[in-house]
C-alpha atoms as a PDB file:
ATOM      1  CA  UNK A   1      -0.290   0.066  -0.086  1.00  0.00           C
ATOM      2  CA  UNK A   2       2.921   1.983   0.269  1.00  0.00           C
ATOM      3  CA  UNK A   3       4.062   1.922  -3.178  1.00  0.00           C
ATOM      4  CA  UNK A   4       1.983   4.409  -5.735  1.00  0.00           C
ATOM      5  CA  UNK A   5       3.751   2.699  -8.873  1.00  0.00           C
ATOM      6  CA  UNK A   6       0.835  -0.025  -8.682  1.00  0.00           C
ATOM      7  CA  UNK A   7      -0.794   2.984 -10.359  1.00  0.00           C
ATOM      8  CA  UNK A   8       1.540   3.120 -13.437  1.00  0.00           C
ATOM      9  CA  UNK A   9      -0.130  -0.633 -14.137  1.00  0.00           C
ATOM     10  CA  UNK A  10      -4.283   0.049 -13.538  1.00  0.00           C
ATOM     11  CA  UNK A  11      -3.974   3.065 -15.738  1.00  0.00           C
ATOM     12  CA  UNK A  12      -4.283   2.005 -19.360  1.00  0.00           C
ATOM     13  CA  UNK A  13      -6.875   0.011 -17.730  1.00  0.00           C
ATOM     14  CA  UNK A  14      -9.154   3.272 -15.223  1.00  0.00           C
ATOM     15  CA  UNK A  15      -8.428   5.142 -19.388  1.00  0.00           C
ATOM     16  CA  UNK A  16     -10.052   2.875 -20.739  1.00  0.00           C
ATOM     17  CA  UNK A  17     -13.536   2.927 -18.031  1.00  0.00           C
ATOM     18  CA  UNK A  18     -12.697   6.263 -18.691  1.00  0.00           C
ATOM     19  CA  UNK A  19     -13.188   6.887 -23.321  1.00  0.00           C
ATOM     20  CA  UNK A  20     -16.899   4.477 -22.699  1.00  0.00           C
ATOM     21  CA  UNK A  21     -17.783   6.287 -19.607  1.00  0.00           C
ATOM     22  CA  UNK A  22     -17.550  10.181 -22.510  1.00  0.00           C
ATOM     23  CA  UNK A  23     -17.498  12.251 -19.865  1.00  0.00           C
ATOM     24  CA  UNK A  24     -16.220  12.282 -15.566  1.00  0.00           C
ATOM     25  CA  UNK A  25     -16.246   9.437 -13.641  1.00  0.00           C
ATOM     26  CA  UNK A  26     -15.980   9.001  -9.992  1.00  0.00           C
ATOM     27  CA  UNK A  27     -12.847   6.697  -8.672  1.00  0.00           C
ATOM     28  CA  UNK A  28     -13.083   4.622  -5.534  1.00  0.00           C
ATOM     29  CA  UNK A  29     -11.166   2.342  -3.956  1.00  0.00           C
ATOM     30  CA  UNK A  30     -11.221  -0.389  -2.065  1.00  0.00           C
ATOM     31  CA  UNK A  31      -8.768  -1.428   0.129  1.00  0.00           C
ATOM     32  CA  UNK A  32      -7.501   2.269  -0.091  1.00  0.00           C
ATOM     33  CA  UNK A  33      -5.337   2.283   2.852  1.00  0.00           C
ATOM     34  CA  UNK A  34      -4.114   5.797   2.443  1.00  0.00           C
ATOM     35  CA  UNK A  35      -4.973   6.360  -0.602  1.00  0.00           C
ATOM     36  CA  UNK A  36      -3.180   7.074  -3.385  1.00  0.00           C
ATOM     37  CA  UNK A  37      -3.919   5.039  -6.301  1.00  0.00           C
ATOM     38  CA  UNK A  38      -6.507   7.544  -6.362  1.00  0.00           C
ATOM     39  CA  UNK A  39      -3.849  10.467  -7.035  1.00  0.00           C
ATOM     40  CA  UNK A  40      -3.729   8.813 -10.667  1.00  0.00           C
ATOM     41  CA  UNK A  41      -4.977  11.628 -13.108  1.00  0.00           C
ATOM     42  CA  UNK A  42      -2.329  13.758 -10.946  1.00  0.00           C
ATOM     43  CA  UNK A  43       0.698  11.853 -11.237  1.00  0.00           C
ATOM     44  CA  UNK A  44       2.554  11.874 -15.580  1.00  0.00           C
ATOM     45  CA  UNK A  45       3.156   8.398 -16.295  1.00  0.00           C
ATOM     46  CA  UNK A  46       6.370   6.937 -19.226  1.00  0.00           C
ATOM     47  CA  UNK A  47       6.181   3.466 -20.982  1.00  0.00           C
ATOM     48  CA  UNK A  48       8.659   2.003 -21.835  1.00  0.00           C
ATOM     49  CA  UNK A  49       9.390  -1.337 -24.715  1.00  0.00           C
ATOM     50  CA  UNK A  50      12.799  -3.296 -25.213  1.00  0.00           C
ATOM     51  CA  UNK A  51      13.329  -1.567 -28.708  1.00  0.00           C
ATOM     52  CA  UNK A  52      13.354   2.711 -26.522  1.00  0.00           C
ATOM     53  CA  UNK A  53       9.704   3.560 -27.309  1.00  0.00           C
ATOM     54  CA  UNK A  54       7.629   5.907 -25.089  1.00  0.00           C
ATOM     55  CA  UNK A  55       4.302   6.914 -24.157  1.00  0.00           C
ATOM     56  CA  UNK A  56       3.752   9.727 -21.980  1.00  0.00           C
ATOM     57  CA  UNK A  57       0.433  10.521 -20.453  1.00  0.00           C
ATOM     58  CA  UNK A  58      -0.958  12.526 -17.779  1.00  0.00           C
ATOM     59  CA  UNK A  59      -0.301  15.455 -17.476  1.00  0.00           C
ATOM     60  CA  UNK A  60       2.488  17.112 -18.636  1.00  0.00           C
ATOM     61  CA  UNK A  61       4.050  19.339 -15.764  1.00  0.00           C
ATOM     62  CA  UNK A  62       3.459  16.422 -12.563  1.00  0.00           C
ATOM     63  CA  UNK A  63       6.126  16.534  -9.315  1.00  0.00           C
ATOM     64  CA  UNK A  64       5.709  12.709  -9.828  1.00  0.00           C
ATOM     65  CA  UNK A  65       6.390  10.618 -13.052  1.00  0.00           C
ATOM     66  CA  UNK A  66       5.659   6.722 -12.423  1.00  0.00           C
ATOM     67  CA  UNK A  67       7.288   4.338 -15.369  1.00  0.00           C
ATOM     68  CA  UNK A  68       7.070   1.293 -16.830  1.00  0.00           C
ATOM     69  CA  UNK A  69       7.882  -1.255 -18.756  1.00  0.00           C
ATOM     70  CA  UNK A  70       5.721  -2.992 -21.964  1.00  0.00           C
ATOM     71  CA  UNK A  71       6.965  -6.210 -23.321  1.00  0.00           C
ATOM     72  CA  UNK A  72       5.251  -8.104 -25.807  1.00  0.00           C
ATOM     73  CA  UNK A  73       2.247  -6.350 -26.967  1.00  0.00           C
ATOM     74  CA  UNK A  74       1.142  -3.274 -29.299  1.00  0.00           C
ATOM     75  CA  UNK A  75       2.178  -0.205 -26.774  1.00  0.00           C
ATOM     76  CA  UNK A  76      -1.034   1.621 -25.450  1.00  0.00           C
ATOM     77  CA  UNK A  77      -1.876   4.878 -26.671  1.00  0.00           C
ATOM     78  CA  UNK A  78      -3.296   6.494 -23.571  1.00  0.00           C
ATOM     79  CA  UNK A  79      -4.639  10.375 -23.260  1.00  0.00           C
ATOM     80  CA  UNK A  80      -3.014  13.236 -21.377  1.00  0.00           C
ATOM     81  CA  UNK A  81      -5.680  13.531 -19.278  1.00  0.00           C
ATOM     82  CA  UNK A  82      -8.395  11.570 -17.138  1.00  0.00           C
ATOM     83  CA  UNK A  83     -11.942  13.720 -15.698  1.00  0.00           C
ATOM     84  CA  UNK A  84     -12.254  12.432 -11.780  1.00  0.00           C
ATOM     85  CA  UNK A  85     -15.113  14.529 -10.502  1.00  0.00           C
ATOM     86  CA  UNK A  86     -14.884  12.805  -7.064  1.00  0.00           C
ATOM     87  CA  UNK A  87     -12.760  10.610  -5.697  1.00  0.00           C
ATOM     88  CA  UNK A  88     -13.977   7.653  -2.427  1.00  0.00           C
ATOM     89  CA  UNK A  89     -11.565   5.488  -0.832  1.00  0.00           C
ATOM     90  CA  UNK A  90     -12.701   2.879   1.432  1.00  0.00           C
ATOM     91  CA  UNK A  91     -10.459   0.522   4.011  1.00  0.00           C
ATOM     92  CA  UNK A  92     -11.259  -0.936   6.873  1.00  0.00           C
ATOM     93  CA  UNK A  93      -8.490   1.998   8.713  1.00  0.00           C
ATOM     94  CA  UNK A  94      -8.386   4.374   6.602  1.00  0.00           C
ATOM     95  CA  UNK A  95      -4.591   6.802   7.462  1.00  0.00           C
ATOM     96  CA  UNK A  96      -4.275   9.779   7.149  1.00  0.00           C
ATOM     97  CA  UNK A  97      -1.367  10.649   5.410  1.00  0.00           C
ATOM     98  CA  UNK A  98      -0.833  14.788   7.288  1.00  0.00           C
ATOM     99  CA  UNK A  99      -0.245  12.940  10.352  1.00  0.00           C
ATOM    100  CA  UNK A 100       3.059  12.939  10.449  1.00  0.00           C
ATOM    101  CA  UNK A 101       3.343   8.943  12.302  1.00  0.00           C
ATOM    102  CA  UNK A 102       0.756   7.441   9.763  1.00  0.00           C
ATOM    103  CA  UNK A 103       3.159   8.662   7.296  1.00  0.00           C
ATOM    104  CA  UNK A 104       6.636   8.172   8.431  1.00  0.00           C
ATOM    105  CA  UNK A 105       4.897   4.453   9.687  1.00  0.00           C
ATOM    106  CA  UNK A 106       3.875   3.677   5.850  1.00  0.00           C
ATOM    107  CA  UNK A 107       7.341   4.973   5.268  1.00  0.00           C
ATOM    108  CA  UNK A 108       9.316   2.675   7.683  1.00  0.00           C
ATOM    109  CA  UNK A 109       7.577  -0.430   5.850  1.00  0.00           C
ATOM    110  CA  UNK A 110       9.737  -0.175   1.907  1.00  0.00           C
ATOM    111  CA  UNK A 111      12.885  -1.143   2.440  1.00  0.00           C
ATOM    112  CA  UNK A 112      16.296   0.450   3.550  1.00  0.00           C
ATOM    113  CA  UNK A 113      17.807  -0.206  -0.382  1.00  0.00           C
ATOM    114  CA  UNK A 114      14.890   1.149  -2.384  1.00  0.00           C
ATOM    115  CA  UNK A 115      15.404   5.627  -1.280  1.00  0.00           C
ATOM    116  CA  UNK A 116      13.767   5.881  -4.808  1.00  0.00           C
ATOM    117  CA  UNK A 117      10.539   4.065  -3.118  1.00  0.00           C
ATOM    118  CA  UNK A 118      10.595   6.164  -0.282  1.00  0.00           C
ATOM    119  CA  UNK A 119      10.878   9.265  -2.477  1.00  0.00           C
ATOM    120  CA  UNK A 120       8.002   8.543  -4.523  1.00  0.00           C
ATOM    121  CA  UNK A 121       6.094   7.855  -1.464  1.00  0.00           C
ATOM    122  CA  UNK A 122       6.984  11.918   0.214  1.00  0.00           C
ATOM    123  CA  UNK A 123       6.081  12.858  -3.091  1.00  0.00           C
ATOM    124  CA  UNK A 124       2.661  11.488  -3.573  1.00  0.00           C
ATOM    125  CA  UNK A 125       1.572  12.071   0.164  1.00  0.00           C
ATOM    126  CA  UNK A 126       2.486  15.845   0.071  1.00  0.00           C
ATOM    127  CA  UNK A 127       0.438  16.073  -3.765  1.00  0.00           C
ATOM    128  CA  UNK A 128      -2.418  13.991  -1.940  1.00  0.00           C
ATOM    129  CA  UNK A 129      -2.223  16.565   1.625  1.00  0.00           C
ATOM    130  CA  UNK A 130      -3.153  18.700  -1.030  1.00  0.00           C
ATOM    131  CA  UNK A 131      -6.014  17.507  -3.255  1.00  0.00           C
ATOM    132  CA  UNK A 132      -7.694  14.141  -0.831  1.00  0.00           C
ATOM    133  CA  UNK A 133      -9.811  12.319  -1.124  1.00  0.00           C
ATOM    134  CA  UNK A 134     -12.517  11.463   0.810  1.00  0.00           C
ATOM    135  CA  UNK A 135     -12.326   8.746   3.114  1.00  0.00           C
ATOM    136  CA  UNK A 136     -15.334   5.924   4.737  1.00  0.00           C
ATOM    137  CA  UNK A 137     -13.859   3.544   7.435  1.00  0.00           C
ATOM    138  CA  UNK A 138     -16.155   0.667   6.330  1.00  0.00           C
ATOM    139  CA  UNK A 139     -15.808  -3.368   5.272  1.00  0.00           C
ATOM    140  CA  UNK A 140     -14.578  -3.993   2.177  1.00  0.00           C
ATOM    141  CA  UNK A 141     -18.060  -6.268   0.699  1.00  0.00           C
ATOM    142  CA  UNK A 142     -20.479  -4.988   3.830  1.00  0.00           C
ATOM    143  CA  UNK A 143     -19.936  -1.174   3.445  1.00  0.00           C
ATOM    144  CA  UNK A 144     -19.327  -1.333  -0.307  1.00  0.00           C
ATOM    145  CA  UNK A 145     -23.117   0.522  -1.399  1.00  0.00           C
ATOM    146  CA  UNK A 146     -22.536   2.865   1.537  1.00  0.00           C
ATOM    147  CA  UNK A 147     -19.201   4.555   0.289  1.00  0.00           C
ATOM    148  CA  UNK A 148     -20.178   3.505  -3.299  1.00  0.00           C
ATOM    149  CA  UNK A 149     -22.968   6.344  -2.526  1.00  0.00           C
ATOM    150  CA  UNK A 150     -20.288   9.185  -1.313  1.00  0.00           C
ATOM    151  CA  UNK A 151     -19.952   9.111  -5.646  1.00  0.00           C
ATOM    152  CA  UNK A 152     -22.359  11.816  -6.983  1.00  0.00           C
ATOM    153  CA  UNK A 153     -24.714   9.365  -8.624  1.00  0.00           C
ATOM    154  CA  UNK A 154     -25.095  11.497 -11.637  1.00  0.00           C
ATOM    155  CA  UNK A 155     -20.959   9.780 -12.326  1.00  0.00           C
ATOM    156  CA  UNK A 156     -20.110   6.725 -13.570  1.00  0.00           C
ATOM    157  CA  UNK A 157     -18.046   5.105 -10.810  1.00  0.00           C
ATOM    158  CA  UNK A 158     -14.748   2.799 -11.472  1.00  0.00           C
ATOM    159  CA  UNK A 159     -13.963   0.879  -8.706  1.00  0.00           C
ATOM    160  CA  UNK A 160      -9.943  -0.211  -7.796  1.00  0.00           C
ATOM    161  CA  UNK A 161      -9.041  -2.839  -6.004  1.00  0.00           C
ATOM    162  CA  UNK A 162      -5.115  -3.380  -6.326  1.00  0.00           C
ATOM    163  CA  UNK A 163      -3.960  -6.829  -4.342  1.00  0.00           C
ATOM    164  CA  UNK A 164      -6.880  -6.744  -1.935  1.00  0.00           C
ATOM    165  CA  UNK A 165      -9.038  -9.632  -1.611  1.00  0.00           C
ATOM    166  CA  UNK A 166      -6.227 -12.627  -0.845  1.00  0.00           C
ATOM    167  CA  UNK A 167      -7.429 -11.200   2.421  1.00  0.00           C
ATOM    168  CA  UNK A 168     -10.200 -12.035   2.205  1.00  0.00           C
ATOM    169  CA  UNK A 169     -11.672 -15.715   2.158  1.00  0.00           C
ATOM    170  CA  UNK A 170     -13.690 -17.444  -1.513  1.00  0.00           C
ATOM    171  CA  UNK A 171     -16.611 -16.512   0.179  1.00  0.00           C
ATOM    172  CA  UNK A 172     -16.523 -13.224   0.671  1.00  0.00           C
ATOM    173  CA  UNK A 173     -14.569 -12.149  -2.205  1.00  0.00           C
ATOM    174  CA  UNK A 174     -17.688 -13.875  -4.066  1.00  0.00           C
ATOM    175  CA  UNK A 175     -20.002 -11.388  -1.756  1.00  0.00           C
ATOM    176  CA  UNK A 176     -17.564  -9.015  -3.179  1.00  0.00           C
ATOM    177  CA  UNK A 177     -17.940  -9.449  -7.349  1.00  0.00           C
ATOM    178  CA  UNK A 178     -21.993  -9.698  -5.866  1.00  0.00           C
ATOM    179  CA  UNK A 179     -21.455  -6.227  -4.465  1.00  0.00           C
ATOM    180  CA  UNK A 180     -20.205  -5.169  -7.343  1.00  0.00           C
ATOM    181  CA  UNK A 181     -23.207  -6.119  -9.821  1.00  0.00           C
ATOM    182  CA  UNK A 182     -25.590  -4.339  -6.603  1.00  0.00           C
ATOM    183  CA  UNK A 183     -23.736  -0.931  -6.837  1.00  0.00           C
ATOM    184  CA  UNK A 184     -23.484  -1.643 -11.278  1.00  0.00           C
ATOM    185  CA  UNK A 185     -27.289  -2.293 -11.412  1.00  0.00           C
ATOM    186  CA  UNK A 186     -28.828   0.918  -9.779  1.00  0.00           C
ATOM    187  CA  UNK A 187     -25.573   3.053 -12.072  1.00  0.00           C
ATOM    188  CA  UNK A 188     -22.809   2.810 -14.954  1.00  0.00           C
ATOM    189  CA  UNK A 189     -19.526   1.038 -13.312  1.00  0.00           C
ATOM    190  CA  UNK A 190     -16.017  -0.618 -14.391  1.00  0.00           C
ATOM    191  CA  UNK A 191     -14.273  -2.835 -11.958  1.00  0.00           C
ATOM    192  CA  UNK A 192     -10.531  -2.341 -12.454  1.00  0.00           C
ATOM    193  CA  UNK A 193      -9.184  -5.554 -10.406  1.00  0.00           C
ATOM    194  CA  UNK A 194      -5.427  -5.311 -10.204  1.00  0.00           C
ATOM    195  CA  UNK A 195      -5.141  -8.727  -8.511  1.00  0.00           C
ATOM    196  CA  UNK A 196      -4.333 -12.968  -8.753  1.00  0.00           C
ATOM    197  CA  UNK A 197      -6.608 -14.904 -11.468  1.00  0.00           C
ATOM    198  CA  UNK A 198      -7.805 -17.052  -8.045  1.00  0.00           C
ATOM    199  CA  UNK A 199      -8.395 -14.001  -5.620  1.00  0.00           C
ATOM    200  CA  UNK A 200     -10.651 -12.364  -8.470  1.00  0.00           C
ATOM    201  CA  UNK A 201     -10.910 -13.249 -12.703  1.00  0.00           C
ATOM    202  CA  UNK A 202     -11.551 -16.711 -11.988  1.00  0.00           C
ATOM    203  CA  UNK A 203     -15.495 -15.867 -10.851  1.00  0.00           C
ATOM    204  CA  UNK A 204     -15.454 -14.206 -13.999  1.00  0.00           C
ATOM    205  CA  UNK A 205     -13.294 -16.223 -16.364  1.00  0.00           C
ATOM    206  CA  UNK A 206     -12.816 -20.277 -15.001  1.00  0.00           C
ATOM    207  CA  UNK A 207     -10.353 -22.388 -16.421  1.00  0.00           C
ATOM    208  CA  UNK A 208      -7.574 -19.848 -17.710  1.00  0.00           C
ATOM    209  CA  UNK A 209      -4.184 -21.673 -16.922  1.00  0.00           C
ATOM    210  CA  UNK A 210      -2.590 -18.790 -18.703  1.00  0.00           C
ATOM    211  CA  UNK A 211      -3.602 -16.140 -15.773  1.00  0.00           C
ATOM    212  CA  UNK A 212      -3.267 -18.926 -13.405  1.00  0.00           C
ATOM    213  CA  UNK A 213      -0.084 -17.425 -11.224  1.00  0.00           C
ATOM    214  CA  UNK A 214       0.064 -21.089  -9.532  1.00  0.00           C
ATOM    215  CA  UNK A 215       1.223 -22.348 -12.752  1.00  0.00           C
ATOM    216  CA  UNK A 216       3.762 -18.843 -13.694  1.00  0.00           C
ATOM    217  CA  UNK A 217       5.312 -16.010 -11.956  1.00  0.00           C
ATOM    218  CA  UNK A 218       2.800 -13.439 -12.623  1.00  0.00           C
ATOM    219  CA  UNK A 219       2.376 -11.816 -10.047  1.00  0.00           C
ATOM    220  CA  UNK A 220      -1.160 -10.192 -11.466  1.00  0.00           C
ATOM    221  CA  UNK A 221      -3.871  -9.848 -13.667  1.00  0.00           C
ATOM    222  CA  UNK A 222      -5.342  -6.147 -15.406  1.00  0.00           C
ATOM    223  CA  UNK A 223      -8.533  -6.768 -15.702  1.00  0.00           C
ATOM    224  CA  UNK A 224     -11.319  -4.560 -16.602  1.00  0.00           C
ATOM    225  CA  UNK A 225     -15.732  -5.900 -15.722  1.00  0.00           C
ATOM    226  CA  UNK A 226     -18.313  -3.599 -16.841  1.00  0.00           C
ATOM    227  CA  UNK A 227     -21.992  -4.620 -16.107  1.00  0.00           C
ATOM    228  CA  UNK A 228     -23.887  -4.557 -19.103  1.00  0.00           C
ATOM    229  CA  UNK A 229     -28.484  -4.984 -18.385  1.00  0.00           C
ATOM    230  CA  UNK A 230     -26.808  -7.413 -16.045  1.00  0.00           C
ATOM    231  CA  UNK A 231     -24.307  -9.321 -16.977  1.00  0.00           C
ATOM    232  CA  UNK A 232     -20.519  -8.694 -16.820  1.00  0.00           C
ATOM    233  CA  UNK A 233     -18.287  -8.382 -19.454  1.00  0.00           C
ATOM    234  CA  UNK A 234     -14.705  -9.184 -18.354  1.00  0.00           C
ATOM    235  CA  UNK A 235     -11.799  -7.939 -20.385  1.00  0.00           C
ATOM    236  CA  UNK A 236      -7.866  -9.360 -19.040  1.00  0.00           C
END
């Protein structure tokens, strides 16, 4: 939760959801901790492949540029700007980055030989303090609808999770998926998930051994799920 660079791999899917929403969106991150990923619209991004080709995205003037390597796929076409009109984070214990002790504890969890991660954390924290999201204290399943209601109803909702669902037992993961579908019944909703395959996308696209990290060294799968007329449309 102290590595803001995780959002670099999620940005293409968030941008795709925003493009399909055709207007400003609201973000809801479940398991948000300090809410660093909710600053996705304020960070710059640089993607580079093995041939040295680069794609830059996000605002041109930003204190923080996040890098990401791309291999085996065409370079993504990404927007310079995301229109995000509301940001909400749901967590059992949200972390207040304006509290120096809270921030220091997050920083203490970074390995001492990775000073660049500490720098990113500090810069992202300073950016977030100037533009804080709304935090909701609660459970990922039981309080999902309450947190979603904090995003104005006229905004298409994009829900984010990043390596959160392994902390839930299987029945609660299934309950989370059902809670997402229930919210999607009342408003446009996209779910961008960066999770282990067996913790998330297996419920939508079962039996995909090529994505199962039990068989290969895959640390996560980027999933984009949109509910259409009550049915999930899933992209991996």
